[in-house]
Amino acid sequence: MSSIRFDSHFQTRLIDGLYAEAMILAEAARSYFDGVGRDEREGLNPVQRVCFSCESLKVTTRLMHVLAWVLTQRAVDAGELDWTEATHAERRLGRSPESDPHQIGHLPSRARRLTLASLNLYRRVERLDHIAEDDRVPISPVRQLQDRLSHAF
């Protein structure tokens, strides 16, 4: 398995941006589902209430998987974790629970936006995780030179 091979400054900024986005989204979801979302949930029919509750758990699960993956990438970048360890299954991006687009369409607008935002973020990180497992990803010439220099000194 190869690592995501970008310029290290670019990689750090990418991971930091994903971390910030995941934290902001997690706080927005917590705030909504523990606050206004509870009131909105009560106005739904019984089936929609169950769907609402399930989607709130799915949003939380997705975001926690993203945060765990990002923190693993940060640990590798900081030298706290070897890349080989980061590629083990338990450190890879966890599987996201599926959401039914039809059910999402029946959620209150803010719940729908949070659900779709969590899906979007998860899918972007999932693509990065797949790149990391693809041995055919070319290593940038800059990264190759940096690696050679770090081993030479």
N, C-alpha and C. Protein backbone atom coordinates (compact mmCIF):
# COMPACT_ATOMS: atom_id res chain seq x y z
N MET A 1 0.84 -1.18 0.00
CA MET A 1 0.00 0.00 0.00
C MET A 1 0.88 1.24 0.00
N SER A 2 0.52 2.23 -0.74
CA SER A 2 1.30 3.46 -0.78
C SER A 2 0.57 4.56 -0.05
N SER A 3 1.31 5.56 0.38
CA SER A 3 0.66 6.67 1.06
C SER A 3 0.12 7.65 0.03
N ILE A 4 -0.70 8.56 0.48
CA ILE A 4 -1.17 9.61 -0.41
C ILE A 4 0.05 10.46 -0.69
N ARG A 5 0.49 10.52 -1.92
CA ARG A 5 1.76 11.14 -2.26
C ARG A 5 1.56 12.53 -2.84
N PHE A 6 1.43 13.49 -1.97
CA PHE A 6 1.34 14.88 -2.37
C PHE A 6 2.53 15.60 -1.75
N ASP A 7 2.78 16.80 -2.18
CA ASP A 7 3.74 17.65 -1.51
C ASP A 7 3.30 17.71 -0.05
N SER A 8 4.24 17.58 0.89
CA SER A 8 3.87 17.49 2.31
C SER A 8 3.12 18.73 2.80
N HIS A 9 3.48 19.92 2.31
CA HIS A 9 2.76 21.13 2.70
C HIS A 9 1.31 21.07 2.22
N PHE A 10 1.12 20.62 0.99
CA PHE A 10 -0.23 20.48 0.43
C PHE A 10 -1.01 19.45 1.23
N GLN A 11 -0.36 18.32 1.53
CA GLN A 11 -1.04 17.26 2.26
C GLN A 11 -1.46 17.75 3.65
N THR A 12 -0.57 18.45 4.33
CA THR A 12 -0.89 18.97 5.66
C THR A 12 -2.08 19.93 5.59
N ARG A 13 -2.07 20.82 4.61
CA ARG A 13 -3.17 21.77 4.48
C ARG A 13 -4.48 21.05 4.14
N LEU A 14 -4.42 20.04 3.29
CA LEU A 14 -5.60 19.26 2.94
C LEU A 14 -6.18 18.57 4.17
N ILE A 15 -5.34 17.89 4.91
CA ILE A 15 -5.78 17.17 6.11
C ILE A 15 -6.31 18.15 7.16
N ASP A 16 -5.62 19.27 7.36
CA ASP A 16 -6.08 20.28 8.31
C ASP A 16 -7.45 20.84 7.90
N GLY A 17 -7.64 21.06 6.61
CA GLY A 17 -8.93 21.55 6.12
C GLY A 17 -10.04 20.54 6.34
N LEU A 18 -9.76 19.27 6.10
CA LEU A 18 -10.76 18.22 6.33
C LEU A 18 -11.09 18.11 7.82
N TYR A 19 -10.07 18.24 8.65
CA TYR A 19 -10.28 18.19 10.10
C TYR A 19 -11.20 19.33 10.54
N ALA A 20 -10.88 20.54 10.09
CA ALA A 20 -11.69 21.70 10.47
C ALA A 20 -13.13 21.53 9.98
N GLU A 21 -13.29 21.10 8.75
CA GLU A 21 -14.63 20.91 8.20
C GLU A 21 -15.41 19.85 8.99
N ALA A 22 -14.76 18.75 9.32
CA ALA A 22 -15.42 17.69 10.08
C ALA A 22 -15.81 18.17 11.48
N MET A 23 -14.93 18.93 12.12
CA MET A 23 -15.24 19.43 13.47
C MET A 23 -16.40 20.43 13.44
N ILE A 24 -16.39 21.31 12.47
CA ILE A 24 -17.48 22.29 12.34
C ILE A 24 -18.80 21.58 12.07
N LEU A 25 -18.76 20.61 11.18
CA LEU A 25 -19.98 19.86 10.85
C LEU A 25 -20.45 19.03 12.05
N ALA A 26 -19.52 18.43 12.78
CA ALA A 26 -19.88 17.66 13.96
C ALA A 26 -20.54 18.55 15.02
N GLU A 27 -20.01 19.74 15.21
CA GLU A 27 -20.61 20.66 16.18
C GLU A 27 -21.99 21.13 15.72
N ALA A 28 -22.12 21.41 14.43
CA ALA A 28 -23.43 21.83 13.89
C ALA A 28 -24.45 20.71 14.05
N ALA A 29 -24.03 19.47 13.78
CA ALA A 29 -24.94 18.33 13.92
C ALA A 29 -25.33 18.12 15.38
N ARG A 30 -24.35 18.17 16.28
CA ARG A 30 -24.64 18.00 17.71
C ARG A 30 -25.61 19.07 18.19
N SER A 31 -25.32 20.30 17.82
CA SER A 31 -26.17 21.42 18.22
C SER A 31 -27.59 21.25 17.69
N TYR A 32 -27.71 20.89 16.44
CA TYR A 32 -29.04 20.74 15.84
C TYR A 32 -29.79 19.55 16.42
N PHE A 33 -29.18 18.37 16.40
CA PHE A 33 -29.90 17.16 16.82
C PHE A 33 -30.19 17.15 18.32
N ASP A 34 -29.41 17.86 19.11
CA ASP A 34 -29.68 17.96 20.55
C ASP A 34 -30.56 19.16 20.90
N GLY A 35 -30.83 20.02 19.94
CA GLY A 35 -31.60 21.24 20.21
C GLY A 35 -32.85 21.32 19.36
N VAL A 36 -32.81 22.21 18.38
CA VAL A 36 -33.96 22.46 17.51
C VAL A 36 -34.45 21.19 16.84
N GLY A 37 -33.52 20.30 16.51
CA GLY A 37 -33.90 19.05 15.84
C GLY A 37 -34.85 18.21 16.66
N ARG A 38 -34.70 18.25 17.96
CA ARG A 38 -35.63 17.48 18.83
C ARG A 38 -37.06 18.00 18.66
N ASP A 39 -37.19 19.31 18.63
CA ASP A 39 -38.53 19.89 18.45
C ASP A 39 -39.09 19.56 17.07
N GLU A 40 -38.25 19.66 16.05
CA GLU A 40 -38.70 19.35 14.69
C GLU A 40 -39.06 17.87 14.57
N ARG A 41 -38.33 17.01 15.24
CA ARG A 41 -38.61 15.57 15.22
C ARG A 41 -40.00 15.28 15.76
N GLU A 42 -40.39 15.98 16.79
CA GLU A 42 -41.70 15.74 17.40
C GLU A 42 -42.85 16.06 16.46
N GLY A 43 -42.64 16.93 15.49
CA GLY A 43 -43.68 17.28 14.53
C GLY A 43 -43.83 16.30 13.38
N LEU A 44 -43.00 15.26 13.36
CA LEU A 44 -43.04 14.29 12.27
C LEU A 44 -43.95 13.11 12.63
N ASN A 45 -44.39 12.40 11.60
CA ASN A 45 -45.18 11.18 11.87
C ASN A 45 -44.24 10.11 12.40
N PRO A 46 -44.78 9.03 12.98
CA PRO A 46 -43.93 8.02 13.63
C PRO A 46 -42.83 7.43 12.73
N VAL A 47 -43.13 7.14 11.49
CA VAL A 47 -42.12 6.58 10.57
C VAL A 47 -41.03 7.60 10.30
N GLN A 48 -41.41 8.85 10.09
CA GLN A 48 -40.44 9.90 9.83
C GLN A 48 -39.58 10.17 11.07
N ARG A 49 -40.16 10.03 12.26
CA ARG A 49 -39.39 10.21 13.50
C ARG A 49 -38.29 9.15 13.60
N VAL A 50 -38.64 7.92 13.27
CA VAL A 50 -37.64 6.84 13.30
C VAL A 50 -36.54 7.13 12.27
N CYS A 51 -36.94 7.54 11.07
CA CYS A 51 -35.98 7.88 10.01
C CYS A 51 -35.08 9.02 10.49
N PHE A 52 -35.66 10.04 11.09
CA PHE A 52 -34.91 11.19 11.60
C PHE A 52 -33.87 10.72 12.61
N SER A 53 -34.29 9.88 13.56
CA SER A 53 -33.36 9.37 14.58
C SER A 53 -32.24 8.55 13.96
N CYS A 54 -32.60 7.70 13.00
CA CYS A 54 -31.58 6.88 12.33
C CYS A 54 -30.59 7.76 11.57
N GLU A 55 -31.09 8.76 10.88
CA GLU A 55 -30.19 9.64 10.12
C GLU A 55 -29.28 10.43 11.04
N SER A 56 -29.78 10.83 12.20
CA SER A 56 -28.91 11.56 13.12
C SER A 56 -27.76 10.67 13.58
N LEU A 57 -28.03 9.40 13.81
CA LEU A 57 -26.97 8.46 14.19
C LEU A 57 -26.01 8.22 13.04
N LYS A 58 -26.53 8.15 11.82
CA LYS A 58 -25.68 7.94 10.65
C LYS A 58 -24.76 9.13 10.42
N VAL A 59 -25.28 10.34 10.61
CA VAL A 59 -24.46 11.55 10.46
C VAL A 59 -23.31 11.50 11.47
N THR A 60 -23.64 11.19 12.70
CA THR A 60 -22.62 11.12 13.76
C THR A 60 -21.58 10.05 13.45
N THR A 61 -22.03 8.89 13.02
CA THR A 61 -21.11 7.80 12.69
C THR A 61 -20.18 8.19 11.56
N ARG A 62 -20.74 8.76 10.49
CA ARG A 62 -19.91 9.20 9.36
C ARG A 62 -18.83 10.18 9.80
N LEU A 63 -19.25 11.16 10.57
CA LEU A 63 -18.31 12.20 11.00
C LEU A 63 -17.23 11.64 11.92
N MET A 64 -17.58 10.70 12.78
CA MET A 64 -16.57 10.10 13.66
C MET A 64 -15.58 9.27 12.85
N HIS A 65 -16.06 8.58 11.81
CA HIS A 65 -15.15 7.83 10.93
C HIS A 65 -14.19 8.79 10.21
N VAL A 66 -14.72 9.89 9.73
CA VAL A 66 -13.88 10.88 9.04
C VAL A 66 -12.85 11.44 10.00
N LEU A 67 -13.28 11.82 11.19
CA LEU A 67 -12.34 12.38 12.16
C LEU A 67 -11.25 11.38 12.55
N ALA A 68 -11.61 10.13 12.73
CA ALA A 68 -10.62 9.11 13.07
C ALA A 68 -9.60 8.97 11.94
N TRP A 69 -10.08 8.97 10.70
CA TRP A 69 -9.18 8.85 9.54
C TRP A 69 -8.25 10.07 9.47
N VAL A 70 -8.81 11.25 9.64
CA VAL A 70 -8.01 12.47 9.56
C VAL A 70 -6.96 12.48 10.68
N LEU A 71 -7.33 12.09 11.88
CA LEU A 71 -6.37 12.07 12.98
C LEU A 71 -5.26 11.05 12.73
N THR A 72 -5.58 9.96 12.07
CA THR A 72 -4.55 9.00 11.69
C THR A 72 -3.58 9.64 10.70
N GLN A 73 -4.12 10.36 9.72
CA GLN A 73 -3.25 11.04 8.74
C GLN A 73 -2.37 12.07 9.42
N ARG A 74 -2.93 12.79 10.39
CA ARG A 74 -2.14 13.77 11.13
C ARG A 74 -1.01 13.10 11.91
N ALA A 75 -1.32 11.95 12.50
CA ALA A 75 -0.30 11.22 13.26
C ALA A 75 0.83 10.76 12.35
N VAL A 76 0.50 10.31 11.15
CA VAL A 76 1.53 9.91 10.19
C VAL A 76 2.36 11.13 9.80
N ASP A 77 1.69 12.23 9.49
CA ASP A 77 2.37 13.45 9.08
C ASP A 77 3.31 13.97 10.17
N ALA A 78 2.91 13.80 11.43
CA ALA A 78 3.73 14.27 12.56
C ALA A 78 4.82 13.27 12.95
N GLY A 79 4.84 12.11 12.30
CA GLY A 79 5.83 11.09 12.62
C GLY A 79 5.49 10.29 13.86
N GLU A 80 4.26 10.41 14.35
CA GLU A 80 3.84 9.68 15.54
C GLU A 80 3.37 8.27 15.22
N LEU A 81 3.10 8.03 13.94
CA LEU A 81 2.60 6.74 13.50
C LEU A 81 3.25 6.42 12.15
N ASP A 82 3.75 5.21 12.03
CA ASP A 82 4.35 4.78 10.78
C ASP A 82 3.25 4.53 9.75
N TRP A 83 3.55 4.84 8.47
CA TRP A 83 2.54 4.68 7.42
C TRP A 83 2.03 3.24 7.36
N THR A 84 2.91 2.27 7.59
CA THR A 84 2.50 0.87 7.55
C THR A 84 1.41 0.60 8.57
N GLU A 85 1.57 1.17 9.76
CA GLU A 85 0.54 1.01 10.80
C GLU A 85 -0.77 1.68 10.39
N ALA A 86 -0.66 2.81 9.72
CA ALA A 86 -1.85 3.56 9.31
C ALA A 86 -2.65 2.83 8.23
N THR A 87 -2.01 1.88 7.55
CA THR A 87 -2.71 1.16 6.48
C THR A 87 -3.45 -0.07 6.99
N HIS A 88 -3.29 -0.40 8.25
CA HIS A 88 -4.02 -1.55 8.81
C HIS A 88 -5.52 -1.24 8.80
N ALA A 89 -6.31 -2.26 8.62
CA ALA A 89 -7.77 -2.10 8.46
C ALA A 89 -8.41 -1.28 9.57
N GLU A 90 -7.96 -1.47 10.79
CA GLU A 90 -8.60 -0.75 11.91
C GLU A 90 -8.28 0.75 11.91
N ARG A 91 -7.31 1.16 11.12
CA ARG A 91 -6.96 2.58 11.03
C ARG A 91 -7.45 3.22 9.75
N ARG A 92 -8.05 2.45 8.89
CA ARG A 92 -8.58 2.97 7.62
C ARG A 92 -9.94 3.62 7.88
N LEU A 93 -10.47 4.25 6.86
CA LEU A 93 -11.78 4.90 6.98
C LEU A 93 -12.84 3.85 7.24
N GLY A 94 -13.59 4.02 8.33
CA GLY A 94 -14.66 3.10 8.66
C GLY A 94 -15.79 3.17 7.64
N ARG A 95 -16.56 2.13 7.56
CA ARG A 95 -17.65 2.04 6.59
C ARG A 95 -18.80 2.95 7.02
N SER A 96 -19.33 3.68 6.06
CA SER A 96 -20.44 4.59 6.31
C SER A 96 -21.76 3.87 6.18
N PRO A 97 -22.67 4.13 7.12
CA PRO A 97 -24.00 3.56 6.98
C PRO A 97 -24.71 4.17 5.77
N GLU A 98 -25.46 3.37 5.06
CA GLU A 98 -26.19 3.84 3.88
C GLU A 98 -27.38 4.71 4.30
N SER A 99 -27.68 5.68 3.46
CA SER A 99 -28.86 6.51 3.67
C SER A 99 -29.73 6.43 2.43
N ASP A 100 -31.00 6.32 2.63
CA ASP A 100 -31.96 6.23 1.53
C ASP A 100 -32.30 7.64 1.07
N PRO A 101 -31.98 8.00 -0.18
CA PRO A 101 -32.27 9.34 -0.68
C PRO A 101 -33.74 9.73 -0.53
N HIS A 102 -34.62 8.77 -0.69
CA HIS A 102 -36.06 9.04 -0.55
C HIS A 102 -36.38 9.47 0.89
N GLN A 103 -35.80 8.76 1.86
CA GLN A 103 -36.02 9.10 3.26
C GLN A 103 -35.40 10.45 3.61
N ILE A 104 -34.22 10.71 3.07
CA ILE A 104 -33.56 11.99 3.33
C ILE A 104 -34.44 13.14 2.85
N GLY A 105 -35.11 12.93 1.73
CA GLY A 105 -36.00 13.96 1.17
C GLY A 105 -37.16 14.33 2.08
N HIS A 106 -37.50 13.47 3.03
CA HIS A 106 -38.62 13.74 3.94
C HIS A 106 -38.18 14.36 5.27
N LEU A 107 -36.88 14.55 5.42
CA LEU A 107 -36.38 15.15 6.66
C LEU A 107 -36.62 16.65 6.65
N PRO A 108 -36.68 17.25 7.84
CA PRO A 108 -36.71 18.72 7.89
C PRO A 108 -35.47 19.27 7.17
N SER A 109 -35.57 20.47 6.64
CA SER A 109 -34.52 21.00 5.77
C SER A 109 -33.13 21.01 6.42
N ARG A 110 -33.04 21.41 7.66
CA ARG A 110 -31.71 21.46 8.30
C ARG A 110 -31.13 20.06 8.50
N ALA A 111 -31.97 19.11 8.86
CA ALA A 111 -31.51 17.72 9.01
C ALA A 111 -31.06 17.18 7.66
N ARG A 112 -31.80 17.52 6.62
CA ARG A 112 -31.43 17.09 5.27
C ARG A 112 -30.07 17.68 4.86
N ARG A 113 -29.87 18.97 5.13
CA ARG A 113 -28.60 19.62 4.77
C ARG A 113 -27.43 19.00 5.53
N LEU A 114 -27.61 18.73 6.81
CA LEU A 114 -26.54 18.11 7.61
C LEU A 114 -26.24 16.70 7.12
N THR A 115 -27.28 15.95 6.79
CA THR A 115 -27.10 14.59 6.28
C THR A 115 -26.33 14.62 4.97
N LEU A 116 -26.74 15.49 4.05
CA LEU A 116 -26.07 15.57 2.75
C LEU A 116 -24.63 16.07 2.89
N ALA A 117 -24.41 17.01 3.80
CA ALA A 117 -23.05 17.52 4.02
C ALA A 117 -22.15 16.41 4.58
N SER A 118 -22.68 15.60 5.48
CA SER A 118 -21.87 14.51 6.04
C SER A 118 -21.57 13.46 4.96
N LEU A 119 -22.53 13.19 4.10
CA LEU A 119 -22.30 12.26 2.98
C LEU A 119 -21.24 12.81 2.03
N ASN A 120 -21.32 14.08 1.73
CA ASN A 120 -20.36 14.71 0.82
C ASN A 120 -18.95 14.63 1.40
N LEU A 121 -18.79 15.00 2.65
CA LEU A 121 -17.48 14.96 3.30
C LEU A 121 -16.97 13.53 3.34
N TYR A 122 -17.80 12.60 3.72
CA TYR A 122 -17.39 11.20 3.80
C TYR A 122 -16.92 10.70 2.43
N ARG A 123 -17.64 11.00 1.39
CA ARG A 123 -17.28 10.53 0.05
C ARG A 123 -15.96 11.12 -0.42
N ARG A 124 -15.69 12.38 -0.07
CA ARG A 124 -14.40 12.98 -0.44
C ARG A 124 -13.25 12.28 0.28
N VAL A 125 -13.43 12.01 1.57
CA VAL A 125 -12.40 11.33 2.33
C VAL A 125 -12.27 9.88 1.84
N GLU A 126 -13.37 9.28 1.48
CA GLU A 126 -13.34 7.91 0.96
C GLU A 126 -12.48 7.84 -0.32
N ARG A 127 -12.61 8.84 -1.17
CA ARG A 127 -11.78 8.88 -2.38
C ARG A 127 -10.30 8.98 -2.02
N LEU A 128 -9.97 9.79 -1.03
CA LEU A 128 -8.57 9.90 -0.59
C LEU A 128 -8.08 8.59 0.00
N ASP A 129 -8.93 7.92 0.75
CA ASP A 129 -8.57 6.64 1.34
C ASP A 129 -8.31 5.60 0.24
N HIS A 130 -9.11 5.63 -0.82
CA HIS A 130 -8.90 4.71 -1.94
C HIS A 130 -7.61 5.03 -2.68
N ILE A 131 -7.29 6.31 -2.80
CA ILE A 131 -6.03 6.69 -3.44
C ILE A 131 -4.87 6.11 -2.64
N ALA A 132 -4.99 6.15 -1.32
CA ALA A 132 -3.93 5.65 -0.46
C ALA A 132 -3.69 4.15 -0.65
N GLU A 133 -4.71 3.40 -1.02
CA GLU A 133 -4.53 1.96 -1.19
C GLU A 133 -4.15 1.59 -2.62
N ASP A 134 -4.17 2.54 -3.53
CA ASP A 134 -3.88 2.28 -4.93
C ASP A 134 -2.38 2.40 -5.17
N ASP A 135 -1.73 1.28 -5.39
CA ASP A 135 -0.28 1.28 -5.60
C ASP A 135 0.15 1.99 -6.89
N ARG A 136 -0.79 2.30 -7.76
CA ARG A 136 -0.44 2.93 -9.03
C ARG A 136 -0.36 4.44 -8.95
N VAL A 137 -0.61 5.02 -7.78
CA VAL A 137 -0.55 6.47 -7.64
C VAL A 137 0.89 6.92 -7.82
N PRO A 138 1.15 7.80 -8.79
CA PRO A 138 2.52 8.23 -9.01
C PRO A 138 3.00 9.13 -7.86
N ILE A 139 4.26 8.96 -7.54
CA ILE A 139 4.88 9.79 -6.51
C ILE A 139 5.39 11.05 -7.19
N SER A 140 5.09 12.19 -6.61
CA SER A 140 5.53 13.44 -7.23
C SER A 140 7.05 13.53 -7.21
N PRO A 141 7.64 14.13 -8.24
CA PRO A 141 9.11 14.29 -8.27
C PRO A 141 9.62 15.06 -7.06
N VAL A 142 8.87 16.04 -6.60
CA VAL A 142 9.29 16.82 -5.43
C VAL A 142 9.35 15.91 -4.21
N ARG A 143 8.33 15.08 -4.04
CA ARG A 143 8.30 14.16 -2.89
C ARG A 143 9.44 13.15 -2.98
N GLN A 144 9.73 12.65 -4.18
CA GLN A 144 10.83 11.72 -4.36
C GLN A 144 12.15 12.35 -3.93
N LEU A 145 12.36 13.59 -4.34
CA LEU A 145 13.59 14.30 -3.98
C LEU A 145 13.65 14.53 -2.46
N GLN A 146 12.53 14.94 -1.88
CA GLN A 146 12.50 15.15 -0.43
C GLN A 146 12.81 13.85 0.31
N ASP A 147 12.25 12.74 -0.15
CA ASP A 147 12.52 11.45 0.48
C ASP A 147 13.99 11.07 0.36
N ARG A 148 14.58 11.28 -0.83
CA ARG A 148 15.99 10.96 -1.03
C ARG A 148 16.87 11.83 -0.14
N LEU A 149 16.56 13.12 -0.04
CA LEU A 149 17.36 14.01 0.81
C LEU A 149 17.24 13.64 2.28
N SER A 150 16.06 13.26 2.73
CA SER A 150 15.89 12.93 4.14
C SER A 150 16.66 11.65 4.49
N HIS A 151 16.78 10.72 3.54
CA HIS A 151 17.53 9.50 3.78
C HIS A 151 19.03 9.72 3.68
N ALA A 152 19.43 10.71 2.88
CA ALA A 152 20.86 10.99 2.70
C ALA A 152 21.47 11.67 3.92
N PHE A 153 20.67 12.42 4.65
CA PHE A 153 21.20 13.16 5.79
C PHE A 153 20.64 12.59 7.03
